[in-house]
Amino acid sequence: MQQQKTRFPLGAHLIVKHFGYSHHGIYAGRGRVIHYSGFAHLFKKRPIEITSLEKFSFGKTIIIQQYHSPKFRGRKVVRRMRSRMHENQYHLIINNCEHLCTWAITGVESSPQVIQMMNRLTTIGYVSSIMSFMNSLFLTLTTTCFALVLYIKKKLRDKAKTPLPPSLLLKEPEQKNP
């Protein structure tokens, strides 16, 4: 059984989801994708390149990113991508493959996945701070409890060593002799 090839519109923003991130590229026609390869080649920094759909997707499902009102479409998007071919200024946070694709279509570089990751890290930071505070609060409470226990024990020992005043001593009942 032959696998039917999916046709993508020229200038379409393509996304391939990987574990922990998604990779982005622009469909350039004839089964080719222009993308910022970044660290796609075993952590070796690479420039913007044109590659086959198969190499771009690594056999994974390709999703098309839809835009409500794109500033550029079709051939114009591909021309914009080609104008930056061989650029080698990849940066995971400020100039990645998603920044490149959104710039080619909207004219504005943005990366929602970077913003999402920043929000996740912020949340982790808040939770960590709260846990640290709770930990120090728990430690303070525990230390205070131990100090109170030691204080009470000391007071009880001191009291046991102190002789009782004669007025508090119980008198032995007198026995009467008949």
Protein backbone atom coordinates (compact mmCIF):
# COMPACT_ATOMS: atom_id res chain seq x y z
CA MET A 1 0.00 0.00 0.00
CA GLN A 2 1.46 3.38 -1.01
CA GLN A 3 1.38 6.28 1.39
CA GLN A 4 -0.50 9.21 -0.06
CA LYS A 5 1.52 12.44 0.07
CA THR A 6 -0.11 15.44 1.66
CA ARG A 7 -0.13 18.62 -0.40
CA PHE A 8 0.68 21.83 1.41
CA PRO A 9 -0.10 25.35 0.18
CA LEU A 10 2.90 27.41 -0.94
CA GLY A 11 4.11 29.55 1.97
CA ALA A 12 2.33 27.42 4.60
CA HIS A 13 3.77 27.54 8.13
CA LEU A 14 4.56 23.88 8.94
CA ILE A 15 5.04 22.49 12.44
CA VAL A 16 6.46 19.17 13.60
CA LYS A 17 6.03 18.34 17.28
CA HIS A 18 8.96 16.76 19.11
CA PHE A 19 9.34 15.88 22.77
CA GLY A 20 9.48 19.20 24.65
CA TYR A 21 9.39 21.53 21.64
CA SER A 22 8.05 21.99 18.11
CA HIS A 23 10.05 22.67 14.93
CA HIS A 24 8.82 25.21 12.35
CA GLY A 25 9.39 25.77 8.66
CA ILE A 26 7.77 27.29 5.56
CA TYR A 27 6.64 25.13 2.64
CA ALA A 28 8.55 26.28 -0.47
CA GLY A 29 6.89 23.99 -3.03
CA ARG A 30 8.01 20.76 -4.76
CA GLY A 31 8.31 18.89 -1.44
CA ARG A 32 10.78 21.36 0.08
CA VAL A 33 10.79 23.32 3.34
CA ILE A 34 12.82 26.38 4.31
CA HIS A 35 13.66 26.40 8.00
CA TYR A 36 16.18 27.49 10.58
CA SER A 37 17.97 24.26 11.25
CA GLY A 38 19.46 25.71 14.45
CA PHE A 39 20.58 22.76 16.52
CA ALA A 40 18.68 20.17 14.45
CA HIS A 41 22.00 18.54 13.50
CA LEU A 42 23.12 17.01 16.79
CA PHE A 43 23.69 20.27 18.66
CA LYS A 44 25.78 21.75 15.84
CA LYS A 45 24.56 25.27 15.05
CA ARG A 46 23.38 25.50 11.42
CA PRO A 47 21.96 28.26 9.19
CA ILE A 48 18.60 28.73 7.48
CA GLU A 49 18.39 26.01 4.85
CA ILE A 50 16.09 24.36 2.35
CA THR A 51 15.43 20.67 2.85
CA SER A 52 12.97 17.94 1.89
CA LEU A 53 9.68 17.44 3.73
CA GLU A 54 10.95 14.03 4.84
CA LYS A 55 14.12 15.42 6.42
CA PHE A 56 12.19 18.30 7.98
CA SER A 57 9.55 16.05 9.57
CA PHE A 58 11.71 13.02 10.48
CA GLY A 59 8.65 10.94 9.58
CA LYS A 60 6.42 12.71 12.11
CA THR A 61 3.05 14.32 11.45
CA ILE A 62 3.18 17.81 9.95
CA ILE A 63 0.68 20.40 11.20
CA ILE A 64 -0.19 23.64 9.38
CA GLN A 65 -0.30 26.80 11.52
CA GLN A 66 -3.31 28.91 10.56
CA TYR A 67 -3.32 32.73 10.68
CA HIS A 68 -6.46 34.91 10.87
CA SER A 69 -5.09 37.82 8.88
CA PRO A 70 -1.55 37.22 7.60
CA LYS A 71 0.35 40.18 6.22
CA PHE A 72 2.07 38.01 3.56
CA ARG A 73 0.89 34.88 1.70
CA GLY A 74 2.12 32.25 -0.75
CA ARG A 75 5.06 33.25 -2.95
CA LYS A 76 5.72 36.44 -0.96
CA VAL A 77 6.27 34.35 2.21
CA VAL A 78 8.69 32.06 0.34
CA ARG A 79 10.54 35.12 -1.09
CA ARG A 80 10.89 36.55 2.41
CA MET A 81 12.31 33.24 3.67
CA ARG A 82 14.72 33.04 0.71
CA SER A 83 15.94 36.58 1.50
CA ARG A 84 17.36 35.24 4.75
CA MET A 85 18.83 31.99 3.35
CA HIS A 86 22.19 31.02 4.87
CA GLU A 87 21.69 33.40 7.81
CA ASN A 88 23.42 31.80 10.79
CA GLN A 89 22.16 33.84 13.75
CA TYR A 90 20.09 31.11 15.44
CA HIS A 91 19.27 31.71 19.10
CA LEU A 92 16.88 29.47 21.01
CA ILE A 93 15.22 32.36 22.87
CA ILE A 94 15.32 35.36 20.52
CA ASN A 95 15.83 34.05 16.95
CA ASN A 96 14.62 30.48 16.45
CA CYS A 97 12.74 28.66 13.68
CA GLU A 98 9.35 29.83 15.00
CA HIS A 99 10.49 33.48 15.08
CA LEU A 100 11.59 33.13 11.44
CA CYS A 101 8.28 31.63 10.25
CA THR A 102 6.07 34.15 12.08
CA TRP A 103 8.23 36.98 10.68
CA ALA A 104 7.85 35.65 7.11
CA ILE A 105 4.02 35.59 7.42
CA THR A 106 3.15 38.42 9.83
CA GLY A 107 6.17 40.72 9.60
CA VAL A 108 6.69 40.34 13.37
CA GLU A 109 9.09 37.84 14.95
CA SER A 110 7.42 35.95 17.77
CA SER A 111 7.63 32.55 19.40
CA PRO A 112 4.62 31.51 21.48
CA GLN A 113 6.45 28.35 22.58
CA VAL A 114 9.27 30.47 24.09
CA ILE A 115 6.67 32.59 25.93
CA GLN A 116 4.90 29.42 27.09
CA MET A 117 8.18 27.98 28.37
CA MET A 118 8.98 31.26 30.13
CA ASN A 119 5.56 31.12 31.83
CA ARG A 120 6.17 27.51 32.89
CA LEU A 121 9.58 28.40 34.32
CA THR A 122 8.03 31.38 36.15
CA THR A 123 5.40 29.08 37.66
CA ILE A 124 8.08 26.60 38.71
CA GLY A 125 9.98 29.50 40.29
CA TYR A 126 6.90 30.62 42.23
CA VAL A 127 6.15 27.08 43.43
CA SER A 128 9.79 26.61 44.40
CA SER A 129 9.76 29.89 46.36
CA ILE A 130 6.57 28.90 48.18
CA MET A 131 7.99 25.47 48.96
CA SER A 132 11.20 27.07 50.23
CA PHE A 133 9.17 29.44 52.41
CA MET A 134 7.02 26.56 53.69
CA ASN A 135 10.15 24.53 54.34
CA SER A 136 11.72 27.34 56.37
CA LEU A 137 8.40 27.90 58.17
CA PHE A 138 8.18 24.17 58.96
CA LEU A 139 11.81 24.18 60.13
CA THR A 140 11.10 27.17 62.40
CA LEU A 141 7.99 25.49 63.81
CA THR A 142 9.85 22.22 64.40
CA THR A 143 12.75 24.01 66.09
CA THR A 144 10.32 25.94 68.30
CA CYS A 145 8.53 22.72 69.30
CA PHE A 146 11.81 21.03 70.23
CA ALA A 147 12.89 24.09 72.20
CA LEU A 148 9.58 24.06 74.12
CA VAL A 149 9.94 20.34 74.86
CA LEU A 150 13.48 20.87 76.19
CA TYR A 151 12.33 23.85 78.27
CA ILE A 152 9.45 21.89 79.79
CA LYS A 153 11.72 18.91 80.54
CA LYS A 154 14.26 21.21 82.22
CA LYS A 155 11.57 22.84 84.34
CA LEU A 156 10.20 19.43 85.37
CA ARG A 157 13.73 18.23 86.31
CA ASP A 158 14.38 21.40 88.26
CA LYS A 159 11.09 21.00 90.05
CA ALA A 160 11.87 17.37 90.88
CA LYS A 161 15.19 18.43 92.48
CA THR A 162 13.61 21.16 94.61
CA PRO A 163 12.34 19.94 97.98
CA LEU A 164 8.70 20.58 98.67
CA PRO A 165 7.88 23.10 101.34
CA PRO A 166 6.77 21.44 104.62
CA SER A 167 3.26 22.79 104.28
CA LEU A 168 2.77 20.77 101.11
CA LEU A 169 4.08 17.54 102.56
CA LEU A 170 1.44 15.01 103.47
CA LYS A 171 1.24 14.20 107.09
CA GLU A 172 1.29 10.63 108.12
CA PRO A 173 -1.98 9.78 109.86
CA GLU A 174 -1.39 9.36 113.53
CA GLN A 175 -2.16 6.01 114.92
CA LYS A 176 -3.88 5.86 118.22
CA ASN A 177 -2.87 3.23 120.66
CA PRO A 178 -5.67 1.69 122.61
